[in-house]
Amino acid sequence: MRAPERAIPAPPFPRPARWVNVAMLRFDQQRGRPVLVEFWDFCRPASIRDLAHLQAWHDRYAEHGLRVVGVHTPATDLSRGREAVEAACARLGVTFPVLVDDDAAYFKEYEAPGWPSRYLFDGESWLVDYQHGEGGFRETELAILELLGRDEEPLAPLRPVDDDDALIVMPTPDQPGAWSGEYVGGEVWAVVEPPEGEPGAVIVNGETVVVDAPGAHLLLAHPHAVRGTLELEAAPGTTVHEVSFAPGLAPPAA
C-alpha cells in the first residue's frame, strides 16, 4: 500500500543493538539507497513464508542499491535471544542483515500490528510503501524497481498462491497446542519446541517428523486447499505450542 508522499520518516535503528549477518547498521548511513524493513519472528509461519521474498529481493537488488533489513521481534520467549535468531537465520538461509529486537522497542516505534509487517523507504528515508500481513509482493517489488530506477518485470510468483490473480481458499483459524481435528487449508504448520540440546519429533497422521530446532515447521503441504483431518501428537520431551493453517489455491472446477 502506498504511503502519503514524504509524510512519514524512518525511525532510526536503535543503538546500542544486536545484529545478525552484519556488525551494525545506522539508518542515517543508508541515505541515497532504498531500505526495506520487515518485522518477523521465526516462530510465526507467515513470517517464514515471507522470508523467501525478502531473500530473493536481497539477492536480486542489493548490488543495485537496495538494503533489506529484517527486524526479528519475538512474540514469545521461544524465539528470544540473539543466539536463537542467529541459529534460525542459518537454518532458514537468511543472509541479509537482521536486527534483534528482543524488547519490541523498534516494533512499537512503528506501531506494527503484527507479523509480518513490511515498510519500504526511499533514499531520503521517507516511507513509500507498506504491507501488513502476508502478500502484496508484486506491489512491493514494483515500488522497489521504481526507487531503483529499473525498468524490468518483477520476479514471477515464488508460489502459486502468491499470484495476484490466484483464487485462494481461506484456512481454518490457528489452534493452540498439539491440536487434532478436521481442517481446511493448503498447508499445515506447527510451532514446535524440541527438548533442549537434542532433536524432537511430532507424529503427523501416523508419520514421524523429526524437529531439530525450535520454531515454525511445515508439516503438510497440498497442491490445492483441502478439507483434511490432522492427527497430531508430540513425542516425549517435545512441545507443540500452536498449529497453523495456510491459505491454499481453490481446487480446479470439476
Protein backbone atom coordinates (compact mmCIF):
# COMPACT_ATOMS: atom_id res chain seq x y z
CA MET A 1 0.00 0.00 0.00
CA ARG A 2 1.40 3.38 -0.98
CA ALA A 3 2.09 5.82 1.84
CA PRO A 4 1.39 9.59 1.74
CA GLU A 5 4.29 11.27 -0.07
CA ARG A 6 7.12 12.47 2.20
CA ALA A 7 4.91 12.28 5.30
CA ILE A 8 6.44 9.52 7.47
CA PRO A 9 10.19 9.42 8.18
CA ALA A 10 12.04 6.22 9.07
CA PRO A 11 12.72 5.76 12.78
CA PRO A 12 16.48 5.37 13.34
CA PHE A 13 17.76 1.91 14.19
CA PRO A 14 18.24 1.60 17.98
CA ARG A 15 21.71 1.98 19.46
CA PRO A 16 23.16 0.00 21.04
CA ALA A 17 21.64 -3.02 19.35
CA ARG A 18 22.46 -6.61 18.50
CA TRP A 19 22.61 -7.66 14.86
CA VAL A 20 22.93 -10.86 12.83
CA ASN A 21 24.81 -11.01 9.48
CA VAL A 22 26.30 -7.54 9.99
CA ALA A 23 28.24 -5.77 12.74
CA MET A 24 25.91 -2.75 12.90
CA LEU A 25 23.74 -0.54 10.71
CA ARG A 26 22.65 3.07 11.09
CA PHE A 27 19.66 4.38 9.19
CA ASP A 28 21.27 7.77 8.54
CA GLN A 29 24.11 5.97 6.75
CA GLN A 30 21.64 4.44 4.27
CA ARG A 31 20.96 7.80 2.62
CA GLY A 32 20.82 7.51 -1.14
CA ARG A 33 19.52 3.95 -1.17
CA PRO A 34 16.03 2.49 -0.60
CA VAL A 35 15.64 0.46 2.58
CA LEU A 36 13.15 -2.36 3.06
CA VAL A 37 12.36 -3.13 6.72
CA GLU A 38 10.32 -6.19 7.65
CA PHE A 39 9.32 -7.33 11.13
CA TRP A 40 9.31 -11.10 11.51
CA ASP A 41 9.51 -13.94 14.02
CA PHE A 42 10.86 -17.41 13.27
CA CYS A 43 8.00 -18.87 15.32
CA ARG A 44 5.39 -17.30 13.04
CA PRO A 45 4.60 -19.41 9.95
CA ALA A 46 3.52 -16.34 7.97
CA SER A 47 6.92 -14.77 8.65
CA ILE A 48 8.71 -17.87 7.40
CA ARG A 49 6.67 -17.85 4.19
CA ASP A 50 7.61 -14.18 3.62
CA LEU A 51 11.34 -14.77 4.06
CA ALA A 52 11.76 -16.29 0.60
CA HIS A 53 10.68 -13.00 -0.95
CA LEU A 54 12.96 -10.90 1.24
CA GLN A 55 15.91 -13.12 0.39
CA ALA A 56 15.07 -13.04 -3.33
CA TRP A 57 14.92 -9.24 -3.31
CA HIS A 58 18.19 -9.06 -1.40
CA ASP A 59 19.85 -11.41 -3.88
CA ARG A 60 18.48 -9.57 -6.92
CA TYR A 61 18.69 -5.92 -5.90
CA ALA A 62 21.39 -5.46 -3.24
CA GLU A 63 24.01 -4.80 -5.92
CA HIS A 64 21.72 -2.12 -7.38
CA GLY A 65 21.38 -0.31 -4.04
CA LEU A 66 18.50 -1.91 -2.12
CA ARG A 67 19.11 -2.56 1.58
CA VAL A 68 16.92 -5.30 3.04
CA VAL A 69 16.72 -5.35 6.84
CA GLY A 70 14.84 -7.96 8.83
CA VAL A 71 13.78 -6.93 12.32
CA HIS A 72 13.28 -10.00 14.47
CA THR A 73 10.75 -9.22 17.17
CA PRO A 74 9.79 -12.29 19.22
CA ALA A 75 6.16 -12.93 20.06
CA THR A 76 7.15 -15.37 22.84
CA ASP A 77 10.22 -16.41 24.82
CA LEU A 78 10.74 -19.34 22.45
CA SER A 79 12.20 -17.05 19.77
CA ARG A 80 14.00 -14.62 22.06
CA GLY A 81 17.77 -14.04 22.13
CA ARG A 82 20.48 -13.28 19.58
CA GLU A 83 21.83 -16.85 19.56
CA ALA A 84 18.37 -18.24 18.77
CA VAL A 85 17.89 -15.69 15.96
CA GLU A 86 21.35 -16.37 14.54
CA ALA A 87 20.68 -20.13 14.51
CA ALA A 88 17.30 -19.59 12.83
CA CYS A 89 18.85 -17.35 10.16
CA ALA A 90 21.46 -20.02 9.39
CA ARG A 91 18.80 -22.75 9.22
CA LEU A 92 16.47 -20.69 7.03
CA GLY A 93 19.15 -19.34 4.67
CA VAL A 94 18.75 -15.68 5.68
CA THR A 95 21.83 -13.69 4.62
CA PHE A 96 20.57 -10.10 4.81
CA PRO A 97 21.08 -8.01 7.98
CA VAL A 98 18.77 -8.81 10.89
CA LEU A 99 18.20 -6.52 13.88
CA VAL A 100 17.45 -8.40 17.10
CA ASP A 101 14.53 -6.50 18.66
CA ASP A 102 14.05 -8.63 21.78
CA ASP A 103 12.24 -5.95 23.81
CA ALA A 104 9.99 -4.98 20.84
CA ALA A 105 11.06 -1.35 21.19
CA TYR A 106 11.54 -0.86 17.44
CA PHE A 107 8.34 -2.81 16.73
CA LYS A 108 6.43 -0.39 18.96
CA GLU A 109 8.01 2.65 17.29
CA TYR A 110 6.43 1.55 14.04
CA GLU A 111 3.16 0.63 15.75
CA ALA A 112 3.35 -2.57 13.74
CA PRO A 113 0.09 -4.53 14.05
CA GLY A 114 1.72 -7.98 13.82
CA TRP A 115 3.96 -10.34 11.88
CA PRO A 116 4.96 -9.90 9.13
CA SER A 117 4.88 -6.11 8.66
CA ARG A 118 6.83 -4.57 5.78
CA TYR A 119 7.96 -0.96 5.23
CA LEU A 120 9.80 0.44 2.18
CA PHE A 121 11.66 3.76 2.49
CA ASP A 122 13.19 5.86 -0.28
CA GLY A 123 16.76 7.15 -0.45
CA GLU A 124 15.87 10.04 1.84
CA SER A 125 14.30 7.73 4.44
CA TRP A 126 10.67 8.62 3.70
CA LEU A 127 8.07 5.84 3.81
CA VAL A 128 6.92 4.94 0.28
CA ASP A 129 5.06 1.65 0.62
CA TYR A 130 3.95 -0.72 3.39
CA GLN A 131 2.24 -4.08 3.85
CA HIS A 132 0.71 -5.58 6.98
CA GLY A 133 0.37 -9.35 6.82
CA GLU A 134 1.27 -11.75 4.04
CA GLY A 135 1.01 -10.78 0.40
CA GLY A 136 1.49 -7.59 -1.59
CA PHE A 137 4.73 -8.95 -3.07
CA ARG A 138 4.26 -7.63 -6.60
CA GLU A 139 3.24 -4.18 -5.34
CA THR A 140 6.28 -4.01 -3.07
CA GLU A 141 8.65 -5.12 -5.83
CA LEU A 142 7.21 -2.60 -8.30
CA ALA A 143 7.88 0.12 -5.71
CA ILE A 144 11.45 -1.18 -5.26
CA LEU A 145 12.04 -1.09 -9.03
CA GLU A 146 10.68 2.45 -9.19
CA LEU A 147 13.02 3.63 -6.43
CA LEU A 148 15.98 1.92 -8.09
CA GLY A 149 15.08 3.41 -11.47
CA ARG A 150 15.00 -0.01 -13.10
CA ASP A 151 12.72 -0.90 -15.99
CA GLU A 152 12.17 -4.64 -15.63
CA GLU A 153 9.50 -7.12 -14.66
CA PRO A 154 9.15 -8.21 -11.04
CA LEU A 155 10.01 -11.77 -10.15
CA ALA A 156 7.46 -14.39 -11.06
CA PRO A 157 5.38 -15.51 -8.03
CA LEU A 158 7.51 -17.75 -5.85
CA ARG A 159 4.47 -19.87 -5.01
CA PRO A 160 1.17 -20.23 -6.91
CA VAL A 161 -0.74 -18.65 -4.00
CA ASP A 162 1.42 -15.51 -4.33
CA ASP A 163 -0.05 -14.68 -7.75
CA ASP A 164 -2.33 -11.63 -7.53
CA ASP A 165 -4.89 -13.43 -9.71
CA ALA A 166 -4.89 -16.69 -7.77
CA LEU A 167 -8.18 -17.89 -6.30
CA ILE A 168 -7.49 -18.55 -2.63
CA VAL A 169 -9.42 -20.55 -0.05
CA MET A 170 -9.11 -19.12 3.44
CA PRO A 171 -7.92 -21.65 6.03
CA THR A 172 -9.05 -22.87 9.41
CA PRO A 173 -8.00 -20.45 12.20
CA ASP A 174 -4.85 -21.22 14.20
CA GLN A 175 -5.29 -23.65 17.08
CA PRO A 176 -3.37 -23.86 20.39
CA GLY A 177 -1.25 -26.82 21.41
CA ALA A 178 -0.94 -30.20 19.68
CA TRP A 179 -4.36 -29.85 18.09
CA SER A 180 -6.05 -32.61 16.09
CA GLY A 181 -9.21 -32.40 14.03
CA GLU A 182 -10.72 -31.51 10.67
CA TYR A 183 -9.26 -28.50 8.86
CA VAL A 184 -9.34 -26.52 5.61
CA GLY A 185 -6.10 -25.22 4.13
CA GLY A 186 -3.22 -25.55 1.70
CA GLU A 187 -0.56 -26.16 4.35
CA VAL A 188 -0.35 -27.26 7.98
CA TRP A 189 2.33 -25.74 10.21
CA ALA A 190 3.21 -26.19 13.87
CA VAL A 191 5.27 -24.13 16.30
CA VAL A 192 7.42 -26.78 17.94
CA GLU A 193 9.94 -26.76 20.80
CA PRO A 194 12.20 -29.84 20.86
CA PRO A 195 13.99 -30.98 24.04
CA GLU A 196 16.93 -28.75 24.90
CA GLY A 197 20.10 -29.87 23.16
CA GLU A 198 18.59 -32.72 21.15
CA PRO A 199 16.12 -33.28 18.30
CA GLY A 200 12.45 -33.73 18.98
CA ALA A 201 9.65 -35.22 16.92
CA VAL A 202 5.96 -34.98 16.19
CA ILE A 203 3.73 -37.71 14.80
CA VAL A 204 1.63 -36.35 11.91
CA ASN A 205 -1.14 -38.64 10.67
CA GLY A 206 0.92 -41.63 11.75
CA GLU A 207 4.21 -40.43 10.27
CA THR A 208 7.10 -39.27 12.47
CA VAL A 209 8.59 -35.87 11.62
CA VAL A 210 11.92 -35.02 13.25
CA VAL A 211 12.21 -31.44 14.55
CA ASP A 212 15.78 -30.37 15.26
CA ALA A 213 15.23 -26.68 16.09
CA PRO A 214 12.59 -24.54 17.80
CA GLY A 215 10.30 -22.57 15.52
CA ALA A 216 7.57 -22.86 12.91
CA HIS A 217 7.76 -26.06 10.88
CA LEU A 218 5.80 -27.14 7.81
CA LEU A 219 4.06 -30.47 8.48
CA LEU A 220 1.78 -30.96 5.47
CA ALA A 221 1.52 -29.28 2.05
CA HIS A 222 -1.19 -29.75 -0.58
CA PRO A 223 -1.27 -28.54 -4.21
CA HIS A 224 -4.72 -27.07 -3.52
CA ALA A 225 -6.74 -26.26 -0.43
CA VAL A 226 -8.24 -29.42 1.01
CA ARG A 227 -10.70 -30.48 3.67
CA GLY A 228 -8.50 -32.80 5.63
CA THR A 229 -8.05 -34.40 9.01
CA LEU A 230 -5.00 -33.81 11.18
CA GLU A 231 -3.92 -36.25 13.85
CA LEU A 232 -1.01 -34.69 15.69
CA GLU A 233 0.93 -35.99 18.67
CA ALA A 234 4.12 -34.68 20.27
CA ALA A 235 6.86 -37.19 21.06
CA PRO A 236 8.05 -37.30 24.70
CA GLY A 237 10.01 -34.14 25.56
CA THR A 238 8.69 -32.22 22.54
CA THR A 239 6.18 -29.38 22.97
CA VAL A 240 3.77 -28.19 20.27
CA HIS A 241 2.74 -24.62 21.08
CA GLU A 242 0.40 -23.96 18.15
CA VAL A 243 -0.96 -25.40 14.91
CA SER A 244 -1.40 -23.03 11.98
CA PHE A 245 -3.06 -23.41 8.58
CA ALA A 246 -2.08 -21.51 5.42
CA PRO A 247 -4.38 -20.46 2.58
CA GLY A 248 -4.42 -22.72 -0.47
CA LEU A 249 -5.38 -22.47 -4.11
CA ALA A 250 -9.03 -23.13 -4.86
CA PRO A 251 -9.41 -26.67 -6.26
CA PRO A 252 -9.92 -26.83 -10.04
CA ALA A 253 -13.52 -26.94 -11.18
CA ALA A 254 -14.84 -30.45 -11.67
